[in-house]
Structure formats: structure tokens, C-alpha cells
C-alpha atoms as a PDB file:
ATOM      1  CA  MET A   1      -5.023  54.332 155.711  1.00  0.00           C
ATOM      2  CA  SER A   2      -7.491  51.597 156.512  1.00  0.00           C
ATOM      3  CA  GLU A   3      -6.743  49.017 159.150  1.00  0.00           C
ATOM      4  CA  THR A   4      -8.863  46.013 159.990  1.00  0.00           C
ATOM      5  CA  THR A   5      -8.644  44.222 163.301  1.00  0.00           C
ATOM      6  CA  GLU A   6     -10.546  40.984 163.542  1.00  0.00           C
ATOM      7  CA  VAL A   7     -11.670  39.707 166.902  1.00  0.00           C
ATOM      8  CA  ASN A   8     -12.103  35.939 166.924  1.00  0.00           C
ATOM      9  CA  THR A   9     -14.467  34.660 169.549  1.00  0.00           C
ATOM     10  CA  ALA A  10     -15.680  31.194 170.349  1.00  0.00           C
ATOM     11  CA  ASP A  11     -19.004  30.468 168.641  1.00  0.00           C
ATOM     12  CA  PRO A  12     -21.743  29.472 171.129  1.00  0.00           C
ATOM     13  CA  VAL A  13     -23.488  27.464 168.386  1.00  0.00           C
ATOM     14  CA  PRO A  14     -21.478  25.074 166.159  1.00  0.00           C
ATOM     15  CA  LEU A  15     -21.075  26.463 162.625  1.00  0.00           C
ATOM     16  CA  PRO A  16     -23.035  23.783 160.658  1.00  0.00           C
ATOM     17  CA  GLU A  17     -26.082  24.235 162.910  1.00  0.00           C
ATOM     18  CA  ARG A  18     -25.926  28.029 163.102  1.00  0.00           C
ATOM     19  CA  VAL A  19     -28.844  30.101 161.834  1.00  0.00           C
ATOM     20  CA  ILE A  20     -28.374  33.844 161.786  1.00  0.00           C
ATOM     21  CA  ARG A  21     -31.220  35.744 163.486  1.00  0.00           C
ATOM     22  CA  GLY A  22     -29.883  39.231 162.930  1.00  0.00           C
ATOM     23  CA  SER A  23     -26.859  41.453 162.943  1.00  0.00           C
ATOM     24  CA  PHE A  24     -25.503  44.486 164.703  1.00  0.00           C
ATOM     25  CA  SER A  25     -23.199  47.268 163.623  1.00  0.00           C
ATOM     26  CA  VAL A  26     -21.517  50.073 165.526  1.00  0.00           C
ATOM     27  CA  ASN A  27     -19.759  52.986 163.802  1.00  0.00           C
ATOM     28  CA  LEU A  28     -17.605  55.443 165.699  1.00  0.00           C
ATOM     29  CA  THR A  29     -15.433  58.368 164.726  1.00  0.00           C
ATOM     30  CA  ILE A  30     -12.589  59.109 167.094  1.00  0.00           C
ATOM     31  CA  ALA A  31     -10.458  62.129 166.194  1.00  0.00           C
ATOM     32  CA  GLY A  32     -11.216  61.703 162.515  1.00  0.00           C
ATOM     33  CA  ARG A  33     -10.619  57.958 162.525  1.00  0.00           C
ATOM     34  CA  GLY A  34     -13.572  55.768 161.679  1.00  0.00           C
ATOM     35  CA  ILE A  35     -14.054  52.541 163.597  1.00  0.00           C
ATOM     36  CA  GLN A  36     -16.681  50.044 162.538  1.00  0.00           C
ATOM     37  CA  MET A  37     -17.712  46.930 164.412  1.00  0.00           C
ATOM     38  CA  SER A  38     -20.274  44.442 163.168  1.00  0.00           C
ATOM     39  CA  GLY A  39     -21.389  40.955 164.028  1.00  0.00           C
ATOM     40  CA  TYR A  40     -24.204  38.458 163.726  1.00  0.00           C
ATOM     41  CA  ILE A  41     -26.772  37.346 166.231  1.00  0.00           C
ATOM     42  CA  ASN A  42     -27.067  33.575 165.961  1.00  0.00           C
ATOM     43  CA  ASP A  43     -30.129  31.475 166.645  1.00  0.00           C
ATOM     44  CA  GLY A  44     -29.705  29.787 170.017  1.00  0.00           C
ATOM     45  CA  GLU A  45     -27.359  32.505 171.199  1.00  0.00           C
ATOM     46  CA  GLY A  46     -28.365  33.914 174.547  1.00  0.00           C
ATOM     47  CA  THR A  47     -27.940  37.407 175.881  1.00  0.00           C
ATOM     48  CA  SER A  48     -24.841  36.381 177.847  1.00  0.00           C
ATOM     49  CA  ASP A  49     -23.223  35.033 174.653  1.00  0.00           C
ATOM     50  CA  LEU A  50     -23.960  38.230 172.761  1.00  0.00           C
ATOM     51  CA  ASN A  51     -22.793  40.383 175.678  1.00  0.00           C
ATOM     52  CA  ARG A  52     -19.529  38.429 175.852  1.00  0.00           C
ATOM     53  CA  ARG A  53     -18.840  39.016 172.149  1.00  0.00           C
ATOM     54  CA  ILE A  54     -19.758  42.685 172.318  1.00  0.00           C
ATOM     55  CA  ASP A  55     -17.560  43.105 175.434  1.00  0.00           C
ATOM     56  CA  GLU A  56     -14.626  41.692 173.478  1.00  0.00           C
ATOM     57  CA  PHE A  57     -15.307  44.217 170.705  1.00  0.00           C
ATOM     58  CA  GLN A  58     -15.532  46.917 173.360  1.00  0.00           C
ATOM     59  CA  ASN A  59     -11.981  46.106 174.458  1.00  0.00           C
ATOM     60  CA  VAL A  60     -10.800  46.674 170.883  1.00  0.00           C
ATOM     61  CA  ILE A  61     -12.649  50.001 170.721  1.00  0.00           C
ATOM     62  CA  THR A  62     -11.378  51.040 174.167  1.00  0.00           C
ATOM     63  CA  ARG A  63      -7.812  50.334 173.060  1.00  0.00           C
ATOM     64  CA  GLN A  64      -8.287  52.533 169.967  1.00  0.00           C
ATOM     65  CA  VAL A  65      -9.702  55.351 172.084  1.00  0.00           C
ATOM     66  CA  LEU A  66      -6.741  55.056 174.449  1.00  0.00           C
ATOM     67  CA  LYS A  67      -4.265  55.105 171.550  1.00  0.00           C
ATOM     68  CA  ASN A  68      -5.853  58.323 170.318  1.00  0.00           C
ATOM     69  CA  ASP A  69      -5.768  59.773 173.841  1.00  0.00           C
ATOM     70  CA  LEU A  70      -2.095  58.810 174.096  1.00  0.00           C
ATOM     71  CA  GLU A  71      -1.273  60.711 170.898  1.00  0.00           C
ATOM     72  CA  SER A  72      -3.089  63.742 172.272  1.00  0.00           C
ATOM     73  CA  LYS A  73      -1.246  63.578 175.599  1.00  0.00           C
ATOM     74  CA  GLU A  74       2.112  63.213 173.866  1.00  0.00           C
ATOM     75  CA  GLY A  75       1.294  66.283 171.758  1.00  0.00           C
ATOM     76  CA  HIS A  76       0.328  68.190 174.894  1.00  0.00           C
ATOM     77  CA  LEU A  77       3.616  67.153 176.533  1.00  0.00           C
ATOM     78  CA  LYS A  78       5.613  68.468 173.578  1.00  0.00           C
ATOM     79  CA  LEU A  79       3.761  71.774 173.771  1.00  0.00           C
ATOM     80  CA  ALA A  80       4.470  71.987 177.518  1.00  0.00           C
ATOM     81  CA  PHE A  81       8.196  71.470 176.937  1.00  0.00           C
ATOM     82  CA  ASP A  82       8.063  74.108 174.185  1.00  0.00           C
ATOM     83  CA  ALA A  83       6.341  76.479 176.624  1.00  0.00           C
ATOM     84  CA  LEU A  84       9.046  75.824 179.201  1.00  0.00           C
ATOM     85  CA  GLU A  85      11.758  76.679 176.670  1.00  0.00           C
ATOM     86  CA  HIS A  86       9.868  79.734 175.424  1.00  0.00           C
ATOM     87  CA  ASN A  87       9.374  81.070 178.951  1.00  0.00           C
ATOM     88  CA  ALA A  88      13.055  80.573 179.802  1.00  0.00           C
ATOM     89  CA  LYS A  89      14.022  82.633 176.734  1.00  0.00           C
ATOM     90  CA  ARG A  90      11.382  85.216 177.557  1.00  0.00           C
ATOM     91  CA  PHE A  91      12.706  85.494 181.130  1.00  0.00           C
ATOM     92  CA  ASP A  92      16.244  86.083 179.822  1.00  0.00           C
ATOM     93  CA  MET A  93      14.958  88.758 177.444  1.00  0.00           C
ATOM     94  CA  LEU A  94      13.009  90.525 180.197  1.00  0.00           C
ATOM     95  CA  VAL A  95      15.965  90.467 182.617  1.00  0.00           C
ATOM     96  CA  THR A  96      18.297  91.811 179.912  1.00  0.00           C
ATOM     97  CA  ARG A  97      15.830  94.547 178.981  1.00  0.00           C
ATOM     98  CA  LYS A  98      15.340  95.551 182.616  1.00  0.00           C
ATOM     99  CA  LYS A  99      19.117  95.757 183.123  1.00  0.00           C
ATOM    100  CA  LYS A 100      19.508  97.962 180.029  1.00  0.00           C
ATOM    101  CA  THR A 101      16.563 100.288 180.624  1.00  0.00           C
ATOM    102  CA  GLY A 102      16.265 100.103 184.389  1.00  0.00           C
ATOM    103  CA  LYS A 103      12.491  99.669 184.163  1.00  0.00           C
ATOM    104  CA  LEU A 104       9.938  97.592 182.335  1.00  0.00           C
ATOM    105  CA  PRO A 105       6.375  98.395 181.327  1.00  0.00           C
ATOM    106  CA  THR A 106       3.919  97.189 183.977  1.00  0.00           C
ATOM    107  CA  ASN A 107       2.727  94.145 182.046  1.00  0.00           C
ATOM    108  CA  MET A 108       6.303  92.973 181.424  1.00  0.00           C
ATOM    109  CA  ASP A 109       7.285  93.657 185.024  1.00  0.00           C
ATOM    110  CA  ASN A 110       4.302  91.562 186.184  1.00  0.00           C
ATOM    111  CA  GLU A 111       5.324  88.807 183.786  1.00  0.00           C
ATOM    112  CA  LEU A 112       8.856  88.845 185.224  1.00  0.00           C
ATOM    113  CA  ASN A 113       7.540  88.805 188.795  1.00  0.00           C
ATOM    114  CA  ASN A 114       5.255  85.827 188.007  1.00  0.00           C
ATOM    115  CA  PHE A 115       7.976  83.858 186.239  1.00  0.00           C
ATOM    116  CA  ASP A 116       8.505  81.381 189.116  1.00  0.00           C
ATOM    117  CA  ASN A 117       4.767  80.647 189.318  1.00  0.00           C
ATOM    118  CA  THR A 118       4.565  80.212 185.555  1.00  0.00           C
ATOM    119  CA  ILE A 119       7.496  77.788 185.445  1.00  0.00           C
ATOM    120  CA  THR A 120       6.169  75.846 188.447  1.00  0.00           C
ATOM    121  CA  ALA A 121       2.757  75.471 186.754  1.00  0.00           C
ATOM    122  CA  ILE A 122       4.358  74.270 183.509  1.00  0.00           C
ATOM    123  CA  LYS A 123       6.559  71.753 185.358  1.00  0.00           C
ATOM    124  CA  GLU A 124       3.548  70.458 187.289  1.00  0.00           C
ATOM    125  CA  ASP A 125       1.664  70.086 184.007  1.00  0.00           C
ATOM    126  CA  ILE A 126       4.590  68.176 182.509  1.00  0.00           C
ATOM    127  CA  ALA A 127       4.799  65.824 185.507  1.00  0.00           C
ATOM    128  CA  ARG A 128       1.036  65.220 185.478  1.00  0.00           C
ATOM    129  CA  THR A 129       1.022  64.587 181.727  1.00  0.00           C
ATOM    130  CA  GLU A 130       3.965  62.173 181.988  1.00  0.00           C
ATOM    131  CA  ARG A 131       2.088  60.215 184.678  1.00  0.00           C
ATOM    132  CA  ASP A 132      -1.035  60.188 182.498  1.00  0.00           C
ATOM    133  CA  ILE A 133       0.966  58.942 179.516  1.00  0.00           C
ATOM    134  CA  GLU A 134       2.444  56.078 181.532  1.00  0.00           C
ATOM    135  CA  ALA A 135      -0.975  55.097 182.903  1.00  0.00           C
ATOM    136  CA  THR A 136      -2.463  55.188 179.400  1.00  0.00           C
ATOM    137  CA  LYS A 137       0.377  53.049 177.995  1.00  0.00           C
ATOM    138  CA  LYS A 138      -0.146  50.535 180.794  1.00  0.00           C
ATOM    139  CA  ARG A 139      -3.874  50.339 180.064  1.00  0.00           C
ATOM    140  CA  ILE A 140      -3.201  49.904 176.320  1.00  0.00           C
ATOM    141  CA  ASP A 141      -0.785  47.050 177.127  1.00  0.00           C
ATOM    142  CA  GLU A 142      -3.462  45.410 179.287  1.00  0.00           C
ATOM    143  CA  LEU A 143      -5.843  45.417 176.332  1.00  0.00           C
ATOM    144  CA  THR A 144      -3.278  44.120 173.830  1.00  0.00           C
END
């Protein structure tokens, strides 16, 4: 799907008097999505005018990068919740097996003994990712 976002900026030189001196183009690929930005360099346009226009384009690009980062973080969060659920089921299975057999193989016994640390690490990852998601959403809103 192709999406075009146009950034309208004030022209430093009135249109009827404008002479184009050159152009610029920037192409980026972010997680498989192509982003292209292009513009003209007008006669009479100073460096500060060009920098202002490019900075406005940069905000558009930054927003796209953040949107991609947000999708990645939300995917990571889902995986962390899945890991939490998987580890809870695994814990139940290990406890049941230990009750039935009286003993577990060393690697399973170690896994059972480290369960609290594992769950704590996953919960900390979830909390950190949720904070990151909120901060990213806030930054996206600032650029909208």
C-alpha cells in the first residue's frame, strides 16, 4: 500500500518570481517500508530557508520511524505476555511432575528453582516496554 503525505511549507520566494536552482531527494527504507522525500531549491532561498523546509520533512520521517518502532514494541509486549503465560504453564507442569515422581532431572529442577527470577525478569520487561510504548505514543502525538 502506498501512502503519500504532503508537507506544505511557506515559500520564501513568491511563486511567480521563483526560479528553481536545484532539487533534493531522500529515500529511506524502514522495516521494509519505503519513504521518499523530495523538494526544490529555489533561487533566492537561503540556507536557513532550506534547513527549515528539510527540518519539517525530518519531523514527518521521525514520526514514521516512531510508528514503526511502536509496532515493534507492541509486538515485543505481546511476546512478553505470551512468555509469562507459557512460564506459568511450565511451572505448573514441573510442580505436578515433581509431585508424581518425587524428583526432576537437574535441568528441570534448576528451571523450577529459577522460576521466581524468570517471572520477575519478564514482568520487569513488560513494565519497561509499556513505559516505552507510552513515551513513543506521546512523541508521535507531538509530531502529529
